[in-house]
C-alpha atoms as a PDB file:
ATOM      1  CA  MET A   1       2.187 -72.562  42.612  1.00  0.00           C
ATOM      2  CA  LYS A   2      -0.206 -70.404  44.605  1.00  0.00           C
ATOM      3  CA  VAL A   3       0.155 -67.704  47.221  1.00  0.00           C
ATOM      4  CA  TRP A   4      -2.415 -67.415  49.982  1.00  0.00           C
ATOM      5  CA  LYS A   5      -3.212 -64.517  52.313  1.00  0.00           C
ATOM      6  CA  LEU A   6      -3.563 -65.927  55.834  1.00  0.00           C
ATOM      7  CA  GLU A   7      -6.138 -64.757  58.360  1.00  0.00           C
ATOM      8  CA  GLY A   8      -7.994 -66.131  61.323  1.00  0.00           C
ATOM      9  CA  SER A   9     -11.491 -67.144  60.284  1.00  0.00           C
ATOM     10  CA  LEU A  10     -14.494 -65.220  61.616  1.00  0.00           C
ATOM     11  CA  ASP A  11     -16.856 -68.026  60.566  1.00  0.00           C
ATOM     12  CA  GLY A  12     -18.097 -69.064  64.022  1.00  0.00           C
ATOM     13  CA  PHE A  13     -14.630 -69.350  65.564  1.00  0.00           C
ATOM     14  CA  GLU A  14     -13.430 -67.669  68.728  1.00  0.00           C
ATOM     15  CA  GLU A  15     -11.899 -64.205  68.538  1.00  0.00           C
ATOM     16  CA  ILE A  16      -9.320 -62.717  70.865  1.00  0.00           C
ATOM     17  CA  GLN A  17      -7.999 -59.230  71.569  1.00  0.00           C
ATOM     18  CA  LEU A  18      -5.431 -57.468  73.707  1.00  0.00           C
ATOM     19  CA  ALA A  19      -6.529 -57.193  77.337  1.00  0.00           C
ATOM     20  CA  ASP A  20      -4.879 -53.769  77.593  1.00  0.00           C
ATOM     21  CA  PHE A  21      -4.946 -52.335  74.093  1.00  0.00           C
ATOM     22  CA  GLU A  22      -3.779 -48.861  75.191  1.00  0.00           C
ATOM     23  CA  LYS A  23      -0.631 -50.214  76.838  1.00  0.00           C
ATOM     24  CA  ASP A  24       0.323 -53.116  74.612  1.00  0.00           C
ATOM     25  CA  TYR A  25      -0.579 -52.078  71.063  1.00  0.00           C
ATOM     26  CA  ASP A  26       1.856 -49.175  70.770  1.00  0.00           C
ATOM     27  CA  LYS A  27       4.635 -50.986  72.609  1.00  0.00           C
ATOM     28  CA  TYR A  28       4.479 -54.363  70.871  1.00  0.00           C
ATOM     29  CA  PHE A  29       2.401 -54.235  67.712  1.00  0.00           C
ATOM     30  CA  ASP A  30       2.159 -50.833  66.031  1.00  0.00           C
ATOM     31  CA  GLU A  31       5.572 -50.635  64.380  1.00  0.00           C
ATOM     32  CA  GLN A  32       7.265 -53.666  65.892  1.00  0.00           C
ATOM     33  CA  PHE A  33       5.498 -56.218  63.709  1.00  0.00           C
ATOM     34  CA  TYR A  34       6.785 -54.502  60.565  1.00  0.00           C
ATOM     35  CA  LYS A  35      10.404 -55.114  61.509  1.00  0.00           C
ATOM     36  CA  THR A  36      12.368 -57.964  60.001  1.00  0.00           C
ATOM     37  CA  THR A  37      14.465 -58.409  63.134  1.00  0.00           C
ATOM     38  CA  SER A  38      13.544 -60.240  66.304  1.00  0.00           C
ATOM     39  CA  ILE A  39      11.483 -58.457  68.926  1.00  0.00           C
ATOM     40  CA  ALA A  40      11.589 -61.353  71.386  1.00  0.00           C
ATOM     41  CA  GLU A  41      13.850 -59.538  73.830  1.00  0.00           C
ATOM     42  CA  ILE A  42      11.373 -56.672  74.291  1.00  0.00           C
ATOM     43  CA  TRP A  43       8.335 -58.981  74.437  1.00  0.00           C
ATOM     44  CA  SER A  44       6.878 -59.377  77.920  1.00  0.00           C
ATOM     45  CA  ASN A  45       3.566 -60.410  79.492  1.00  0.00           C
ATOM     46  CA  VAL A  46       1.214 -59.550  76.637  1.00  0.00           C
ATOM     47  CA  LYS A  47      -2.229 -60.501  77.861  1.00  0.00           C
ATOM     48  CA  VAL A  48      -5.175 -61.355  75.637  1.00  0.00           C
ATOM     49  CA  ILE A  49      -8.816 -62.127  76.332  1.00  0.00           C
ATOM     50  CA  THR A  50     -11.557 -63.861  74.422  1.00  0.00           C
ATOM     51  CA  LEU A  51     -13.621 -61.221  72.670  1.00  0.00           C
ATOM     52  CA  ASN A  52     -16.217 -63.586  71.210  1.00  0.00           C
ATOM     53  CA  GLU A  53     -16.729 -67.212  72.117  1.00  0.00           C
ATOM     54  CA  GLY A  54     -16.956 -69.678  69.289  1.00  0.00           C
ATOM     55  CA  LYS A  55     -15.534 -72.921  68.020  1.00  0.00           C
ATOM     56  CA  LYS A  56     -11.979 -73.536  69.234  1.00  0.00           C
ATOM     57  CA  SER A  57      -9.467 -72.243  66.755  1.00  0.00           C
ATOM     58  CA  ASP A  58      -5.839 -72.996  65.983  1.00  0.00           C
ATOM     59  CA  CYS A  59      -5.699 -69.567  64.307  1.00  0.00           C
ATOM     60  CA  PRO A  60      -8.101 -67.289  66.191  1.00  0.00           C
ATOM     61  CA  HIS A  61      -8.947 -63.941  64.675  1.00  0.00           C
ATOM     62  CA  PHE A  62      -6.931 -61.337  66.586  1.00  0.00           C
ATOM     63  CA  TRP A  63      -8.328 -57.828  66.968  1.00  0.00           C
ATOM     64  CA  ASP A  64      -5.275 -55.582  67.227  1.00  0.00           C
ATOM     65  CA  SER A  65      -5.954 -53.074  64.432  1.00  0.00           C
ATOM     66  CA  GLY A  66      -3.259 -54.784  62.395  1.00  0.00           C
ATOM     67  CA  GLU A  67      -2.693 -57.961  60.521  1.00  0.00           C
ATOM     68  CA  THR A  68      -1.210 -60.193  63.205  1.00  0.00           C
ATOM     69  CA  VAL A  69      -1.595 -63.942  62.842  1.00  0.00           C
ATOM     70  CA  VAL A  70      -2.084 -65.864  66.090  1.00  0.00           C
ATOM     71  CA  LEU A  71      -1.578 -69.620  66.407  1.00  0.00           C
ATOM     72  CA  SER A  72      -2.541 -72.082  69.105  1.00  0.00           C
ATOM     73  CA  GLU A  73       0.182 -74.251  70.555  1.00  0.00           C
ATOM     74  CA  ARG A  74      -1.061 -77.144  68.402  1.00  0.00           C
ATOM     75  CA  GLY A  75      -1.030 -74.945  65.308  1.00  0.00           C
ATOM     76  CA  LEU A  76       2.471 -73.702  66.025  1.00  0.00           C
ATOM     77  CA  ASN A  77       3.815 -77.210  66.625  1.00  0.00           C
ATOM     78  CA  THR A  78       2.282 -78.396  63.360  1.00  0.00           C
ATOM     79  CA  VAL A  79       3.870 -75.732  61.147  1.00  0.00           C
ATOM     80  CA  SER A  80       7.055 -75.049  63.121  1.00  0.00           C
ATOM     81  CA  ASP A  81       9.371 -76.862  60.692  1.00  0.00           C
ATOM     82  CA  LEU A  82       8.022 -74.837  57.760  1.00  0.00           C
ATOM     83  CA  ILE A  83       8.297 -71.434  59.391  1.00  0.00           C
ATOM     84  CA  LYS A  84      11.650 -71.858  61.116  1.00  0.00           C
ATOM     85  CA  ASP A  85      13.732 -68.702  60.541  1.00  0.00           C
ATOM     86  CA  GLN A  86      10.738 -67.051  58.817  1.00  0.00           C
ATOM     87  CA  ALA A  87       8.663 -66.123  61.881  1.00  0.00           C
ATOM     88  CA  GLU A  88       9.080 -65.958  65.621  1.00  0.00           C
ATOM     89  CA  ALA A  89       6.396 -67.194  67.985  1.00  0.00           C
ATOM     90  CA  LEU A  90       5.766 -64.697  70.784  1.00  0.00           C
ATOM     91  CA  PRO A  91       3.740 -66.049  73.725  1.00  0.00           C
ATOM     92  CA  LEU A  92       0.424 -64.460  74.567  1.00  0.00           C
ATOM     93  CA  ILE A  93      -1.051 -64.826  78.049  1.00  0.00           C
ATOM     94  CA  HIS A  94      -4.646 -66.078  77.871  1.00  0.00           C
ATOM     95  CA  PRO A  95      -6.633 -67.397  80.832  1.00  0.00           C
ATOM     96  CA  GLU A  96      -7.457 -70.723  79.140  1.00  0.00           C
ATOM     97  CA  GLN A  97      -5.350 -71.355  76.028  1.00  0.00           C
ATOM     98  CA  ARG A  98      -1.749 -71.151  74.851  1.00  0.00           C
ATOM     99  CA  TYR A  99      -1.514 -68.759  71.947  1.00  0.00           C
ATOM    100  CA  TYR A 100       1.391 -67.218  70.090  1.00  0.00           C
ATOM    101  CA  ALA A 101       1.546 -64.018  68.053  1.00  0.00           C
ATOM    102  CA  MET A 102       3.466 -64.764  64.888  1.00  0.00           C
ATOM    103  CA  HIS A 103       6.000 -62.049  64.169  1.00  0.00           C
ATOM    104  CA  VAL A 104       6.815 -62.712  60.530  1.00  0.00           C
ATOM    105  CA  VAL A 105      10.415 -61.584  60.071  1.00  0.00           C
ATOM    106  CA  ASN A 106      10.566 -62.881  56.506  1.00  0.00           C
ATOM    107  CA  ALA A 107       9.824 -60.039  54.084  1.00  0.00           C
ATOM    108  CA  ILE A 108      10.567 -60.700  50.433  1.00  0.00           C
ATOM    109  CA  ASP A 109      10.766 -58.386  47.464  1.00  0.00           C
ATOM    110  CA  ALA A 110       8.789 -60.692  45.206  1.00  0.00           C
ATOM    111  CA  ILE A 111       6.191 -58.521  43.477  1.00  0.00           C
ATOM    112  CA  ASN A 112       6.166 -58.445  39.694  1.00  0.00           C
ATOM    113  CA  TYR A 113       5.120 -54.808  39.236  1.00  0.00           C
ATOM    114  CA  ASP A 114       4.726 -55.297  35.479  1.00  0.00           C
ATOM    115  CA  GLN A 115       1.772 -57.638  36.072  1.00  0.00           C
ATOM    116  CA  ALA A 116       0.450 -56.520  39.477  1.00  0.00           C
ATOM    117  CA  LYS A 117      -2.243 -53.856  39.735  1.00  0.00           C
ATOM    118  CA  VAL A 118      -1.245 -51.366  42.395  1.00  0.00           C
ATOM    119  CA  ARG A 119      -3.833 -49.126  44.067  1.00  0.00           C
ATOM    120  CA  LYS A 120      -2.842 -45.445  44.149  1.00  0.00           C
ATOM    121  CA  LEU A 121      -4.161 -42.334  45.829  1.00  0.00           C
ATOM    122  CA  SER A 122      -4.866 -39.240  43.735  1.00  0.00           C
ATOM    123  CA  THR A 123      -1.442 -37.986  44.869  1.00  0.00           C
ATOM    124  CA  GLY A 124       0.190 -40.988  43.183  1.00  0.00           C
ATOM    125  CA  LEU A 125       1.118 -42.638  46.478  1.00  0.00           C
ATOM    126  CA  ARG A 126       0.906 -46.421  46.097  1.00  0.00           C
ATOM    127  CA  VAL A 127      -1.119 -47.880  48.980  1.00  0.00           C
ATOM    128  CA  GLY A 128      -2.166 -51.412  48.104  1.00  0.00           C
ATOM    129  CA  PHE A 129      -2.811 -54.076  45.523  1.00  0.00           C
ATOM    130  CA  ASP A 130      -5.916 -54.703  43.441  1.00  0.00           C
ATOM    131  CA  LYS A 131      -4.142 -57.665  41.846  1.00  0.00           C
ATOM    132  CA  TYR A 132      -1.054 -59.457  43.074  1.00  0.00           C
ATOM    133  CA  ALA A 133       1.625 -60.838  40.789  1.00  0.00           C
ATOM    134  CA  PHE A 134       4.720 -62.566  42.108  1.00  0.00           C
ATOM    135  CA  ILE A 135       8.137 -63.488  40.777  1.00  0.00           C
ATOM    136  CA  PRO A 136       8.040 -67.308  41.101  1.00  0.00           C
ATOM    137  CA  GLY A 137      11.780 -67.736  41.666  1.00  0.00           C
ATOM    138  CA  LYS A 138      11.628 -65.540  44.755  1.00  0.00           C
ATOM    139  CA  LEU A 139       8.963 -67.754  46.365  1.00  0.00           C
ATOM    140  CA  LYS A 140      11.078 -70.904  46.585  1.00  0.00           C
ATOM    141  CA  ASN A 141      11.117 -72.220  50.195  1.00  0.00           C
ATOM    142  CA  GLN A 142       9.127 -69.189  51.388  1.00  0.00           C
ATOM    143  CA  HIS A 143       6.331 -70.623  53.516  1.00  0.00           C
ATOM    144  CA  ILE A 144       5.276 -67.606  55.596  1.00  0.00           C
ATOM    145  CA  PHE A 145       6.173 -64.091  54.566  1.00  0.00           C
ATOM    146  CA  ARG A 146       5.264 -60.481  54.110  1.00  0.00           C
ATOM    147  CA  ILE A 147       5.962 -58.557  50.932  1.00  0.00           C
ATOM    148  CA  TYR A 148       7.160 -55.088  50.080  1.00  0.00           C
ATOM    149  CA  LEU A 149       5.060 -52.412  48.470  1.00  0.00           C
ATOM    150  CA  ASP A 150       7.836 -50.297  47.036  1.00  0.00           C
ATOM    151  CA  THR A 151      10.160 -49.886  50.052  1.00  0.00           C
ATOM    152  CA  LYS A 152       7.658 -50.519  52.856  1.00  0.00           C
ATOM    153  CA  ILE A 153       6.595 -53.839  54.301  1.00  0.00           C
ATOM    154  CA  TYR A 154       2.982 -54.546  53.398  1.00  0.00           C
ATOM    155  CA  PRO A 155       0.904 -55.546  56.458  1.00  0.00           C
ATOM    156  CA  PHE A 156      -0.615 -58.858  55.358  1.00  0.00           C
ATOM    157  CA  VAL A 157       0.816 -62.321  55.982  1.00  0.00           C
ATOM    158  CA  PHE A 158       1.127 -64.692  53.036  1.00  0.00           C
ATOM    159  CA  VAL A 159       1.779 -68.431  52.966  1.00  0.00           C
ATOM    160  CA  SER A 160       2.720 -71.117  50.482  1.00  0.00           C
ATOM    161  CA  ASP A 161       0.732 -74.068  49.162  1.00  0.00           C
ATOM    162  CA  GLU A 162       2.844 -76.306  51.369  1.00  0.00           C
ATOM    163  CA  PHE A 163       1.884 -74.353  54.508  1.00  0.00           C
ATOM    164  CA  LYS A 164      -1.808 -74.550  53.558  1.00  0.00           C
ATOM    165  CA  ASN A 165      -1.529 -78.294  52.822  1.00  0.00           C
ATOM    166  CA  VAL A 166       0.136 -79.018  56.189  1.00  0.00           C
ATOM    167  CA  VAL A 167      -2.588 -77.091  58.038  1.00  0.00           C
ATOM    168  CA  GLU A 168      -5.406 -78.852  56.193  1.00  0.00           C
ATOM    169  CA  SER A 169      -3.913 -82.359  56.306  1.00  0.00           C
ATOM    170  CA  ASN A 170      -3.509 -82.074  60.086  1.00  0.00           C
ATOM    171  CA  GLY A 171      -7.090 -80.946  60.640  1.00  0.00           C
ATOM    172  CA  LEU A 172      -6.233 -77.563  62.130  1.00  0.00           C
ATOM    173  CA  ALA A 173      -9.268 -75.309  62.582  1.00  0.00           C
ATOM    174  CA  GLY A 174      -9.919 -71.604  62.152  1.00  0.00           C
ATOM    175  CA  PHE A 175      -7.510 -70.804  59.335  1.00  0.00           C
ATOM    176  CA  GLN A 176      -8.776 -68.730  56.440  1.00  0.00           C
ATOM    177  CA  PHE A 177      -6.719 -68.960  53.262  1.00  0.00           C
ATOM    178  CA  ILE A 178      -7.500 -66.414  50.566  1.00  0.00           C
ATOM    179  CA  GLU A 179      -5.945 -67.182  47.201  1.00  0.00           C
ATOM    180  CA  VAL A 180      -4.195 -64.069  45.920  1.00  0.00           C
ATOM    181  CA  TRP A 181      -2.096 -65.499  43.092  1.00  0.00           C
ATOM    182  CA  ASP A 182      -1.806 -68.621  40.974  1.00  0.00           C
ATOM    183  CA  SER A 183       1.244 -69.036  38.730  1.00  0.00           C
ATOM    184  CA  GLU A 184      -0.774 -71.193  36.325  1.00  0.00           C
ATOM    185  CA  LYS A 185      -3.237 -68.345  35.667  1.00  0.00           C
ATOM    186  CA  GLU A 186      -0.546 -65.838  34.702  1.00  0.00           C
END
């Protein structure tokens, strides 16, 4: 079993950003995307533009100063069965494409702190991971999720092998999967 960090690829694929960063970032993204409850009822008319042209992507890199995953309509339809009840798809308004910001509401307390290497500041504050280690039993049926670093939700989005396999077997483009943990190497 592996865990993958999910990002939009910058390798020649299109990139998008908020059309009105000043207005929309604070209202919709800053703290909202770290909640594990729905934000659909506050979501309204979030416009995005193409920042850099490139190959069409089903997971375009999204410049929002955070770690938001964006999917095309095709990408969302392909993985929708896997991510049901684990993420909500929030529509983005783009002049040419249908994109959705994925608000991952599934946060799991699955870090094995005995084996993980946690990055600390000189004050002792834990701020990140140099090495991830997961509790395998807590990953069952978790296909898209965030994790906790102590009591706070860590900003990155992680996915399962099954999610990665569905994306690749359906020929979706623009996904970057970074292996962060392999149960067989523990």
